[in-house]
Protein backbone atom coordinates (compact mmCIF):
# COMPACT_ATOMS: atom_id res chain seq x y z
CA UNK A 1 0.00 0.00 0.00
CA UNK A 2 2.81 2.37 0.89
CA UNK A 3 4.63 1.62 -2.40
CA UNK A 4 1.50 2.39 -4.43
CA UNK A 5 1.05 5.70 -2.60
CA UNK A 6 4.69 6.71 -3.17
CA UNK A 7 4.53 5.76 -6.86
CA UNK A 8 1.31 7.72 -7.29
CA UNK A 9 2.80 10.82 -5.64
CA UNK A 10 5.96 10.56 -7.78
CA UNK A 11 3.93 10.21 -10.97
CA UNK A 12 1.72 13.16 -10.03
CA UNK A 13 4.74 15.36 -9.31
CA UNK A 14 6.37 14.32 -12.58
CA UNK A 15 3.15 15.13 -14.43
CA UNK A 16 2.98 18.57 -12.85
CA UNK A 17 6.63 19.35 -13.58
CA UNK A 18 6.82 17.95 -17.11
CA UNK A 19 3.20 18.40 -18.19
CA UNK A 20 3.83 21.76 -19.84
CA UNK A 21 7.04 20.54 -21.48
CA UNK A 22 5.47 17.74 -23.47
CA UNK A 23 3.53 19.89 -25.92
CA UNK A 24 3.52 23.67 -26.11
CA UNK A 25 2.00 26.19 -28.47
CA UNK A 26 3.14 29.80 -28.31
CA UNK A 27 2.27 32.90 -30.32
CA UNK A 28 4.38 36.03 -29.98
CA UNK A 29 5.59 39.00 -32.01
CA UNK A 30 9.13 38.50 -33.23
CA UNK A 31 12.07 40.79 -32.71
CA UNK A 32 12.20 43.76 -35.03
CA UNK A 33 15.30 45.82 -35.65
CA UNK A 34 13.86 49.21 -36.50
CA UNK A 35 17.11 51.08 -36.07
CA UNK A 36 18.73 53.05 -38.86
CA UNK A 37 22.45 53.78 -38.74
CA UNK A 38 22.04 57.02 -40.67
CA UNK A 39 19.38 59.69 -40.73
CA UNK A 40 16.96 59.60 -43.66
CA UNK A 41 14.14 61.93 -44.52
CA UNK A 42 11.16 61.28 -46.75
CA UNK A 43 13.02 63.11 -49.52
CA UNK A 44 15.66 60.34 -49.59
CA UNK A 45 13.39 57.48 -50.66
CA UNK A 46 10.10 56.65 -52.32
CA UNK A 47 7.64 54.29 -50.63
CA UNK A 48 6.55 51.51 -52.98
CA UNK A 49 4.09 49.85 -50.63
CA UNK A 50 3.79 46.94 -48.22
CA UNK A 51 5.31 43.51 -48.77
CA UNK A 52 4.21 40.43 -46.83
CA UNK A 53 5.19 36.79 -46.67
CA UNK A 54 4.79 33.77 -44.45
CA UNK A 55 6.49 30.43 -43.99
CA UNK A 56 7.66 27.90 -41.47
CA UNK A 57 10.68 26.05 -40.27
CA UNK A 58 10.86 22.77 -38.43
CA UNK A 59 13.65 21.31 -36.30
CA UNK A 60 14.16 17.77 -35.04
CA UNK A 61 16.38 17.35 -31.95
CA UNK A 62 17.81 20.83 -32.68
CA UNK A 63 19.99 19.20 -35.35
CA UNK A 64 17.90 18.88 -38.52
CA UNK A 65 16.31 22.20 -39.49
CA UNK A 66 14.18 22.81 -42.57
CA UNK A 67 12.41 25.95 -43.63
CA UNK A 68 12.63 29.43 -45.03
CA UNK A 69 13.91 32.82 -44.00
CA UNK A 70 11.45 35.70 -44.03
CA UNK A 71 13.84 38.63 -44.39
CA UNK A 72 15.25 37.42 -47.71
CA UNK A 73 11.74 36.77 -49.05
CA UNK A 74 10.71 40.34 -48.16
CA UNK A 75 13.78 41.68 -50.00
CA UNK A 76 12.98 39.47 -53.02
CA UNK A 77 9.45 40.88 -53.23
CA UNK A 78 10.85 44.40 -52.85
CA UNK A 79 13.28 43.85 -55.75
CA UNK A 80 10.39 42.52 -57.88
CA UNK A 81 8.59 45.84 -57.27
CA UNK A 82 11.74 47.72 -58.33
CA UNK A 83 12.74 48.64 -54.79
CA UNK A 84 16.08 48.71 -53.00
CA UNK A 85 15.37 48.01 -49.34
CA UNK A 86 12.71 47.48 -46.66
CA UNK A 87 11.86 49.47 -43.55
CA UNK A 88 9.59 48.90 -40.57
CA UNK A 89 9.62 45.13 -40.80
CA UNK A 90 7.75 42.97 -38.30
CA UNK A 91 7.61 39.27 -37.59
CA UNK A 92 4.89 37.35 -35.79
CA UNK A 93 5.81 33.86 -34.62
CA UNK A 94 3.67 30.86 -33.71
CA UNK A 95 5.60 27.98 -32.19
CA UNK A 96 4.62 24.41 -31.42
CA UNK A 97 6.98 21.95 -29.76
CA UNK A 98 7.13 18.49 -28.27
CA UNK A 99 9.46 17.97 -25.30
CA UNK A 100 11.14 21.30 -26.10
CA UNK A 101 13.95 19.78 -28.20
CA UNK A 102 12.46 16.71 -29.89
CA UNK A 103 10.32 18.59 -32.43
CA UNK A 104 9.78 22.32 -32.96
CA UNK A 105 7.67 23.99 -35.62
CA UNK A 106 7.64 27.76 -36.05
CA UNK A 107 5.16 29.42 -38.39
CA UNK A 108 5.96 33.06 -39.07
CA UNK A 109 4.29 36.00 -40.77
CA UNK A 110 6.51 38.88 -41.90
CA UNK A 111 5.60 42.31 -43.22
CA UNK A 112 7.55 45.43 -44.20
CA UNK A 113 7.41 48.58 -46.30
CA UNK A 114 9.29 48.44 -49.63
CA UNK A 115 11.27 51.56 -50.53
CA UNK A 116 13.36 52.78 -53.45
CA UNK A 117 16.28 55.12 -52.72
CA UNK A 118 16.47 58.31 -54.71
CA UNK A 119 19.56 59.06 -56.78
CA UNK A 120 21.14 61.44 -54.25
CA UNK A 121 21.29 58.63 -51.64
CA UNK A 122 22.72 56.03 -54.02
CA UNK A 123 25.82 58.14 -54.71
């Protein structure tokens, strides 16, 4: 009887401690670097409009990682519009994981403003 009680208590404590580690789902805004290393005014560039993309990457045991990068996709769309760079970019992340390191899946949404530098800046 005592052994059953001890085993039950140990299993309950393990469930409480590791219960949230088995499967998690998290949604959070990503980090955004909105700093500019030089001062620009609205006379220095032309706004082409918003660009948006989404994707995902998956990791197994933190060793095998597959997926896409959002920043390069935003730049690709900007270049297709005839632009040079992006400003005010934001990432929103949704993460799901099993046992924290066994399997992780991150779905992200990225958005930015495409701009084209005027000739006086390009020199």
